[in-house]
């Protein structure tokens, strides 16, 4: 029984560790996705403002 309890504790610890690693990787991928989207939005905004500036120069 004592050996069974040790194996159970080790297995539950490993499962907890795997869940923590999975959670961290999900958070990391969400942050990277948000950063990628914000970079794209910033590029679009820069492009739009540049076009507006060029258009205002010609008017």
Protein backbone atom coordinates (compact mmCIF):
# COMPACT_ATOMS: atom_id res chain seq x y z
CA UNK A 1 0.00 0.00 0.00
CA UNK A 2 2.84 2.37 0.81
CA UNK A 3 4.44 1.78 -2.60
CA UNK A 4 1.09 2.38 -4.31
CA UNK A 5 0.69 5.70 -2.49
CA UNK A 6 4.17 6.83 -3.55
CA UNK A 7 3.42 5.94 -7.19
CA UNK A 8 0.10 7.78 -6.99
CA UNK A 9 1.73 10.89 -5.53
CA UNK A 10 4.46 10.87 -8.20
CA UNK A 11 1.90 10.43 -10.99
CA UNK A 12 -0.30 13.23 -9.70
CA UNK A 13 2.75 15.47 -9.39
CA UNK A 14 3.72 14.72 -12.99
CA UNK A 15 0.20 15.43 -14.21
CA UNK A 16 0.19 18.72 -12.32
CA UNK A 17 3.55 19.63 -13.84
CA UNK A 18 2.31 18.82 -17.33
CA UNK A 19 -0.81 20.93 -16.79
CA UNK A 20 1.30 23.86 -15.62
CA UNK A 21 3.57 23.54 -18.69
CA UNK A 22 0.54 23.38 -21.00
CA UNK A 23 -1.02 26.43 -19.34
CA UNK A 24 2.23 28.41 -19.68
CA UNK A 25 2.56 27.47 -23.35
CA UNK A 26 -1.06 28.54 -24.03
CA UNK A 27 -0.47 31.89 -22.36
CA UNK A 28 2.78 32.33 -24.29
CA UNK A 29 1.09 31.57 -27.62
CA UNK A 30 -1.73 34.02 -26.83
CA UNK A 31 0.78 36.76 -26.03
CA UNK A 32 2.68 36.06 -29.26
CA UNK A 33 -0.60 36.11 -31.23
CA UNK A 34 -1.61 39.44 -29.69
CA UNK A 35 1.84 40.91 -30.39
CA UNK A 36 1.67 39.71 -34.00
CA UNK A 37 -1.77 41.26 -34.45
CA UNK A 38 -0.70 44.52 -32.84
CA UNK A 39 2.35 44.67 -35.13
CA UNK A 40 0.09 44.19 -38.15
CA UNK A 41 -2.30 46.85 -36.89
CA UNK A 42 0.57 49.26 -36.28
CA UNK A 43 1.87 48.65 -39.80
CA UNK A 44 -1.58 49.26 -41.26
CA UNK A 45 -1.95 52.42 -39.20
CA UNK A 46 1.48 53.68 -40.28
CA UNK A 47 0.63 52.96 -43.90
CA UNK A 48 -2.71 54.77 -43.60
CA UNK A 49 -1.17 57.80 -41.89
CA UNK A 50 1.61 57.94 -44.47
CA UNK A 51 -0.95 57.92 -47.30
CA UNK A 52 -2.95 60.64 -45.55
CA UNK A 53 0.19 62.73 -45.13
CA UNK A 54 1.16 62.30 -48.79
CA UNK A 55 -2.39 63.14 -49.89
CA UNK A 56 -2.40 66.27 -47.74
CA UNK A 57 0.86 67.39 -49.33
CA UNK A 58 -0.65 67.19 -52.81
CA UNK A 59 -3.83 69.08 -51.90
